[in-house]
Amino acid sequence: MPSYEADLSRFGDADTQVLGISVDSVHSHTAWAKSLGGITYPLLADFEPKGEVARSFGAYRAADGISERALFIIDKEGKVAYKDIHEIGKQPDNEVIHDALRKL
């Protein structure tokens, strides 16, 4: 997620808003962001009811109580325009996301 922070101006130029969402608490988000030297985009806690947002996007692992690593682009009409659920250790290059944004 630090790569999104480094690329925020490009996301802004594409008239987009980056959001981080996880099932962790607000306190966990604060500590995590601080450990990275700060995150300026919003971090949302999908904490209670746990995983409700992740479930609605098909990105919740109920057996493990965590969300998948996933990227979504929601268009201006509120529809999912891009979806990528991938292994936790892998993050697509930001160019993949920017390509998807250009296609909107």
Protein backbone atom coordinates (compact mmCIF):
# COMPACT_ATOMS: atom_id res chain seq x y z
CA MET A 1 0.00 0.00 0.00
CA PRO A 2 2.93 2.38 0.27
CA SER A 3 3.11 2.21 -3.55
CA TYR A 4 -0.37 3.77 -3.69
CA GLU A 5 0.82 6.54 -1.38
CA ALA A 6 3.77 7.19 -3.69
CA ASP A 7 1.41 7.27 -6.70
CA LEU A 8 -1.40 9.39 -5.18
CA SER A 9 -0.93 12.29 -7.59
CA ARG A 10 -1.52 9.98 -10.57
CA PHE A 11 -4.64 8.58 -8.94
CA GLY A 12 -5.81 12.13 -8.29
CA ASP A 13 -5.14 13.08 -11.92
CA ALA A 14 -7.43 10.20 -12.89
CA ASP A 15 -10.19 11.69 -10.67
CA THR A 16 -10.04 8.73 -8.28
CA GLN A 17 -9.90 8.24 -4.52
CA VAL A 18 -7.67 5.57 -2.99
CA LEU A 19 -9.11 3.85 0.09
CA GLY A 20 -7.61 1.10 2.20
CA ILE A 21 -10.06 -1.30 3.84
CA SER A 22 -9.38 -4.22 6.17
CA VAL A 23 -11.09 -6.11 8.95
CA ASP A 24 -8.60 -4.67 11.44
CA SER A 25 -9.59 -2.05 14.01
CA VAL A 26 -9.05 1.69 13.71
CA HIS A 27 -6.27 1.38 16.31
CA SER A 28 -4.53 -1.29 14.20
CA HIS A 29 -4.80 0.93 11.12
CA THR A 30 -3.29 3.86 13.00
CA ALA A 31 -0.35 1.77 14.23
CA TRP A 32 0.19 0.22 10.79
CA ALA A 33 0.14 3.58 9.00
CA LYS A 34 2.56 5.00 11.57
CA SER A 35 4.93 2.05 11.07
CA LEU A 36 5.07 2.95 7.36
CA GLY A 37 5.81 6.59 8.05
CA GLY A 38 2.24 7.68 7.45
CA ILE A 39 -0.56 7.10 4.97
CA THR A 40 -2.51 10.12 3.74
CA TYR A 41 -5.42 8.31 2.10
CA PRO A 42 -8.32 7.01 4.21
CA LEU A 43 -8.04 3.62 5.93
CA LEU A 44 -11.45 2.14 6.67
CA ALA A 45 -12.04 -0.45 9.39
CA ASP A 46 -14.39 -3.24 8.27
CA PHE A 47 -14.34 -4.32 11.91
CA GLU A 48 -17.93 -4.45 13.17
CA PRO A 49 -19.77 -6.32 11.97
CA LYS A 50 -16.48 -7.95 11.06
CA GLY A 51 -15.91 -8.27 7.35
CA GLU A 52 -19.32 -7.00 6.22
CA VAL A 53 -17.83 -4.91 3.40
CA ALA A 54 -15.39 -7.65 2.38
CA ARG A 55 -18.26 -10.17 2.31
CA SER A 56 -20.32 -7.91 0.07
CA PHE A 57 -17.43 -7.83 -2.43
CA GLY A 58 -16.69 -11.58 -2.21
CA ALA A 59 -13.33 -10.96 -0.53
CA TYR A 60 -13.80 -12.39 2.98
CA ARG A 61 -12.26 -15.64 4.22
CA ALA A 62 -14.74 -16.62 6.91
CA ALA A 63 -12.72 -19.65 8.00
CA ASP A 64 -9.73 -17.41 8.73
CA GLY A 65 -11.60 -14.27 9.83
CA ILE A 66 -9.67 -12.09 7.37
CA SER A 67 -10.21 -10.44 4.04
CA GLU A 68 -8.41 -11.41 0.88
CA ARG A 69 -5.87 -9.08 -0.68
CA ALA A 70 -8.00 -7.41 -3.32
CA LEU A 71 -8.27 -4.35 -5.54
CA PHE A 72 -11.54 -2.88 -6.74
CA ILE A 73 -12.36 0.09 -8.90
CA ILE A 74 -15.84 1.42 -8.30
CA ASP A 75 -17.12 3.67 -11.08
CA LYS A 76 -19.05 6.89 -10.59
CA GLU A 77 -22.34 4.98 -10.78
CA GLY A 78 -21.26 2.78 -7.87
CA LYS A 79 -20.63 -0.35 -9.95
CA VAL A 80 -17.55 -2.55 -9.74
CA ALA A 81 -15.56 -1.72 -12.88
CA TYR A 82 -12.45 -3.73 -11.98
CA LYS A 83 -11.79 -6.57 -9.55
CA ASP A 84 -8.55 -8.35 -8.69
CA ILE A 85 -8.39 -10.79 -5.78
CA HIS A 86 -4.86 -12.10 -5.44
CA GLU A 87 -2.44 -13.84 -3.08
CA ILE A 88 -1.57 -11.82 0.00
CA GLY A 89 2.12 -11.71 -0.92
CA LYS A 90 1.51 -10.37 -4.41
CA GLN A 91 0.43 -6.92 -5.47
CA PRO A 92 -0.17 -6.03 -9.09
CA ASP A 93 1.91 -3.19 -10.46
CA ASN A 94 0.11 0.14 -10.25
CA GLU A 95 0.20 0.33 -14.05
CA VAL A 96 -2.38 -2.47 -14.14
CA ILE A 97 -4.72 -0.30 -12.09
CA HIS A 98 -3.98 2.82 -14.15
CA ASP A 99 -4.70 0.84 -17.35
CA ALA A 100 -8.07 -0.19 -15.91
CA LEU A 101 -8.82 3.42 -14.95
CA ARG A 102 -8.02 4.64 -18.48
CA LYS A 103 -10.57 2.17 -19.87
CA LEU A 104 -13.44 3.67 -17.87
